[in-house]
Amino acid sequence: MSEINMKDIILKIFDEINILTDEDGMLVSIDSLSYIQLIVALEDSFNIIFPDELLVISTLKNVDDFVVVVGNLIDMNPIEKREIVYENS
């Protein structure tokens, strides 16, 4: 999966959870509940599991941080036939 496609999916998830970003991709409005919803949605969509140290809201501060972490988690846990699931609810 290309980084651009992954970023598009992540941005759609941000939008669904009503997480706002500024023009630089920095998180503007996020609370702890929205952050957990985001993590769960990313885990479900990309078939990954975030390690505990990334569950702290101050760890990931912008869209690019999420793109890098999701990409790294996919690379760390290769699945022969990884299916990216994105459902627009």
N, C-alpha and C. Protein backbone atom coordinates (compact mmCIF):
# COMPACT_ATOMS: atom_id res chain seq x y z
N MET A 1 0.84 -1.17 0.00
CA MET A 1 0.00 0.00 0.00
C MET A 1 0.89 1.23 0.00
N SER A 2 0.52 2.17 -0.84
CA SER A 2 1.33 3.38 -0.91
C SER A 2 1.03 4.27 0.30
N GLU A 3 2.01 5.09 0.61
CA GLU A 3 1.86 5.99 1.76
C GLU A 3 0.73 6.98 1.52
N ILE A 4 0.55 7.40 0.24
CA ILE A 4 -0.51 8.35 -0.08
C ILE A 4 -1.88 7.72 0.16
N ASN A 5 -2.07 6.49 -0.30
CA ASN A 5 -3.33 5.79 -0.10
C ASN A 5 -3.60 5.60 1.40
N MET A 6 -2.57 5.21 2.14
CA MET A 6 -2.71 5.03 3.58
C MET A 6 -3.10 6.35 4.25
N LYS A 7 -2.49 7.43 3.83
CA LYS A 7 -2.80 8.74 4.41
C LYS A 7 -4.24 9.12 4.11
N ASP A 8 -4.72 8.83 2.90
CA ASP A 8 -6.11 9.12 2.56
C ASP A 8 -7.08 8.36 3.46
N ILE A 9 -6.79 7.09 3.71
CA ILE A 9 -7.64 6.28 4.58
C ILE A 9 -7.62 6.84 6.00
N ILE A 10 -6.43 7.18 6.48
CA ILE A 10 -6.31 7.74 7.83
C ILE A 10 -7.07 9.05 7.94
N LEU A 11 -6.98 9.90 6.93
CA LEU A 11 -7.72 11.17 6.95
C LEU A 11 -9.23 10.96 6.95
N LYS A 12 -9.70 9.94 6.22
CA LYS A 12 -11.13 9.63 6.23
C LYS A 12 -11.57 9.18 7.62
N ILE A 13 -10.74 8.40 8.28
CA ILE A 13 -11.05 7.96 9.64
C ILE A 13 -11.07 9.16 10.58
N PHE A 14 -10.09 10.06 10.44
CA PHE A 14 -10.08 11.29 11.24
C PHE A 14 -11.41 12.03 11.07
N ASP A 15 -11.83 12.17 9.83
CA ASP A 15 -13.05 12.89 9.51
C ASP A 15 -14.28 12.23 10.15
N GLU A 16 -14.36 10.92 10.06
CA GLU A 16 -15.49 10.20 10.64
C GLU A 16 -15.60 10.37 12.15
N ILE A 17 -14.46 10.49 12.80
CA ILE A 17 -14.44 10.62 14.26
C ILE A 17 -14.47 12.10 14.67
N ASN A 18 -14.50 12.98 13.67
CA ASN A 18 -14.52 14.43 13.91
C ASN A 18 -13.26 14.94 14.59
N ILE A 19 -12.14 14.41 14.16
CA ILE A 19 -10.85 14.89 14.64
C ILE A 19 -10.36 15.94 13.65
N LEU A 20 -10.17 17.14 14.12
CA LEU A 20 -9.75 18.24 13.25
C LEU A 20 -8.24 18.37 13.25
N THR A 21 -7.72 18.79 12.10
CA THR A 21 -6.29 19.07 11.96
C THR A 21 -6.13 20.46 11.35
N ASP A 22 -4.98 21.06 11.60
CA ASP A 22 -4.71 22.35 10.96
C ASP A 22 -4.07 22.10 9.60
N GLU A 23 -3.67 23.17 8.93
CA GLU A 23 -3.12 23.04 7.57
C GLU A 23 -1.80 22.26 7.54
N ASP A 24 -1.14 22.13 8.68
CA ASP A 24 0.11 21.36 8.77
C ASP A 24 -0.12 19.91 9.21
N GLY A 25 -1.39 19.54 9.40
CA GLY A 25 -1.69 18.18 9.82
C GLY A 25 -1.62 17.94 11.31
N MET A 26 -1.42 19.01 12.09
CA MET A 26 -1.38 18.87 13.55
C MET A 26 -2.80 18.67 14.08
N LEU A 27 -2.93 17.80 15.08
CA LEU A 27 -4.23 17.55 15.68
C LEU A 27 -4.69 18.79 16.43
N VAL A 28 -5.90 19.25 16.13
CA VAL A 28 -6.43 20.46 16.74
C VAL A 28 -7.41 20.12 17.85
N SER A 29 -8.31 19.23 17.55
CA SER A 29 -9.34 18.90 18.54
C SER A 29 -9.40 17.40 18.74
N ILE A 30 -8.87 16.93 19.84
CA ILE A 30 -8.95 15.51 20.14
C ILE A 30 -8.96 15.34 21.66
N ASP A 31 -9.87 14.52 22.11
CA ASP A 31 -9.91 14.19 23.53
C ASP A 31 -9.58 12.71 23.68
N SER A 32 -9.54 12.24 24.91
CA SER A 32 -9.11 10.86 25.14
C SER A 32 -10.06 9.84 24.51
N LEU A 33 -11.35 10.11 24.52
CA LEU A 33 -12.31 9.19 23.92
C LEU A 33 -12.13 9.13 22.40
N SER A 34 -11.97 10.29 21.78
CA SER A 34 -11.74 10.33 20.33
C SER A 34 -10.43 9.64 19.96
N TYR A 35 -9.42 9.80 20.79
CA TYR A 35 -8.12 9.17 20.53
C TYR A 35 -8.25 7.65 20.54
N ILE A 36 -8.96 7.12 21.53
CA ILE A 36 -9.15 5.66 21.60
C ILE A 36 -10.00 5.19 20.42
N GLN A 37 -11.03 5.95 20.06
CA GLN A 37 -11.84 5.59 18.88
C GLN A 37 -10.96 5.55 17.63
N LEU A 38 -10.06 6.51 17.52
CA LEU A 38 -9.16 6.57 16.38
C LEU A 38 -8.24 5.35 16.35
N ILE A 39 -7.65 5.02 17.48
CA ILE A 39 -6.74 3.87 17.55
C ILE A 39 -7.48 2.60 17.16
N VAL A 40 -8.67 2.40 17.71
CA VAL A 40 -9.45 1.19 17.40
C VAL A 40 -9.81 1.15 15.91
N ALA A 41 -10.23 2.28 15.36
CA ALA A 41 -10.57 2.34 13.94
C ALA A 41 -9.36 2.02 13.06
N LEU A 42 -8.19 2.54 13.42
CA LEU A 42 -6.97 2.26 12.66
C LEU A 42 -6.59 0.78 12.78
N GLU A 43 -6.70 0.24 13.99
CA GLU A 43 -6.38 -1.18 14.18
C GLU A 43 -7.31 -2.05 13.34
N ASP A 44 -8.59 -1.73 13.34
CA ASP A 44 -9.55 -2.50 12.56
C ASP A 44 -9.33 -2.35 11.06
N SER A 45 -9.09 -1.13 10.62
CA SER A 45 -8.94 -0.86 9.19
C SER A 45 -7.66 -1.45 8.59
N PHE A 46 -6.57 -1.41 9.35
CA PHE A 46 -5.29 -1.86 8.83
C PHE A 46 -4.84 -3.21 9.37
N ASN A 47 -5.69 -3.83 10.21
CA ASN A 47 -5.37 -5.14 10.77
C ASN A 47 -4.03 -5.11 11.52
N ILE A 48 -3.91 -4.14 12.42
CA ILE A 48 -2.70 -3.96 13.21
C ILE A 48 -3.09 -3.84 14.68
N ILE A 49 -2.10 -3.86 15.55
CA ILE A 49 -2.32 -3.63 16.98
C ILE A 49 -1.30 -2.60 17.44
N PHE A 50 -1.80 -1.51 18.00
CA PHE A 50 -0.91 -0.48 18.54
C PHE A 50 -0.33 -0.98 19.86
N PRO A 51 0.98 -0.85 20.05
CA PRO A 51 1.57 -1.22 21.34
C PRO A 51 1.13 -0.22 22.42
N ASP A 52 1.17 -0.67 23.66
CA ASP A 52 0.69 0.14 24.78
C ASP A 52 1.34 1.52 24.85
N GLU A 53 2.62 1.62 24.51
CA GLU A 53 3.30 2.90 24.63
C GLU A 53 2.76 3.95 23.66
N LEU A 54 2.02 3.53 22.64
CA LEU A 54 1.44 4.49 21.69
C LEU A 54 -0.01 4.84 22.03
N LEU A 55 -0.51 4.32 23.15
CA LEU A 55 -1.88 4.60 23.54
C LEU A 55 -2.01 5.88 24.36
N VAL A 56 -0.91 6.56 24.56
CA VAL A 56 -0.90 7.83 25.28
C VAL A 56 -1.20 8.94 24.28
N ILE A 57 -2.19 9.77 24.59
CA ILE A 57 -2.68 10.77 23.63
C ILE A 57 -1.60 11.75 23.16
N SER A 58 -0.61 12.02 23.95
CA SER A 58 0.43 12.99 23.57
C SER A 58 1.53 12.39 22.69
N THR A 59 1.46 11.10 22.42
CA THR A 59 2.51 10.44 21.64
C THR A 59 2.48 10.81 20.16
N LEU A 60 1.30 10.77 19.58
CA LEU A 60 1.15 11.04 18.15
C LEU A 60 0.44 12.38 17.99
N LYS A 61 1.13 13.33 17.35
CA LYS A 61 0.64 14.71 17.36
C LYS A 61 0.12 15.21 16.03
N ASN A 62 0.39 14.47 14.94
CA ASN A 62 -0.09 14.93 13.64
C ASN A 62 -0.36 13.75 12.70
N VAL A 63 -0.96 14.05 11.58
CA VAL A 63 -1.35 13.03 10.62
C VAL A 63 -0.14 12.22 10.17
N ASP A 64 0.96 12.88 9.88
CA ASP A 64 2.16 12.17 9.42
C ASP A 64 2.69 11.19 10.46
N ASP A 65 2.57 11.52 11.75
CA ASP A 65 2.96 10.58 12.81
C ASP A 65 2.14 9.30 12.69
N PHE A 66 0.84 9.45 12.46
CA PHE A 66 -0.02 8.27 12.32
C PHE A 66 0.33 7.46 11.08
N VAL A 67 0.62 8.14 9.97
CA VAL A 67 0.99 7.44 8.73
C VAL A 67 2.26 6.62 8.95
N VAL A 68 3.26 7.21 9.59
CA VAL A 68 4.52 6.51 9.85
C VAL A 68 4.30 5.32 10.78
N VAL A 69 3.56 5.52 11.86
CA VAL A 69 3.35 4.45 12.84
C VAL A 69 2.55 3.31 12.21
N VAL A 70 1.48 3.64 11.50
CA VAL A 70 0.68 2.59 10.86
C VAL A 70 1.54 1.82 9.86
N GLY A 71 2.32 2.52 9.05
CA GLY A 71 3.21 1.86 8.10
C GLY A 71 4.21 0.95 8.80
N ASN A 72 4.79 1.42 9.89
CA ASN A 72 5.76 0.61 10.65
C ASN A 72 5.09 -0.62 11.26
N LEU A 73 3.87 -0.46 11.78
CA LEU A 73 3.17 -1.60 12.38
C LEU A 73 2.80 -2.63 11.32
N ILE A 74 2.44 -2.17 10.14
CA ILE A 74 2.17 -3.10 9.04
C ILE A 74 3.44 -3.86 8.68
N ASP A 75 4.56 -3.15 8.58
CA ASP A 75 5.84 -3.78 8.23
C ASP A 75 6.32 -4.75 9.30
N MET A 76 6.04 -4.44 10.57
CA MET A 76 6.50 -5.30 11.67
C MET A 76 5.70 -6.59 11.75
N ASN A 77 4.46 -6.56 11.29
CA ASN A 77 3.59 -7.72 11.38
C ASN A 77 3.07 -8.09 9.99
N PRO A 78 3.99 -8.54 9.12
CA PRO A 78 3.54 -8.85 7.77
C PRO A 78 2.57 -10.03 7.77
N ILE A 79 1.54 -9.86 7.02
CA ILE A 79 0.58 -10.93 6.82
C ILE A 79 0.58 -11.20 5.33
N GLU A 80 0.69 -12.48 4.96
CA GLU A 80 0.81 -12.81 3.54
C GLU A 80 -0.23 -12.10 2.71
N LYS A 81 -1.43 -12.15 3.13
CA LYS A 81 -2.51 -11.55 2.35
C LYS A 81 -3.24 -10.56 3.24
N ARG A 82 -2.67 -9.41 3.43
CA ARG A 82 -3.27 -8.40 4.30
C ARG A 82 -4.40 -7.72 3.55
N GLU A 83 -5.56 -7.73 4.14
CA GLU A 83 -6.70 -7.05 3.56
C GLU A 83 -6.96 -5.78 4.34
N ILE A 84 -6.89 -4.66 3.66
CA ILE A 84 -7.17 -3.38 4.30
C ILE A 84 -8.67 -3.17 4.26
N VAL A 85 -9.24 -3.01 5.41
CA VAL A 85 -10.69 -2.88 5.52
C VAL A 85 -11.01 -1.45 5.88
N TYR A 86 -11.76 -0.81 5.03
CA TYR A 86 -12.22 0.53 5.35
C TYR A 86 -13.69 0.58 5.00
N GLU A 87 -14.50 0.76 6.02
CA GLU A 87 -15.94 0.84 5.81
C GLU A 87 -16.39 2.22 6.21
N ASN A 88 -17.09 2.85 5.32
CA ASN A 88 -17.64 4.16 5.62
C ASN A 88 -18.98 3.96 6.28
N SER A 89 -19.02 4.07 7.60
CA SER A 89 -20.26 3.80 8.34
C SER A 89 -21.21 4.95 8.30
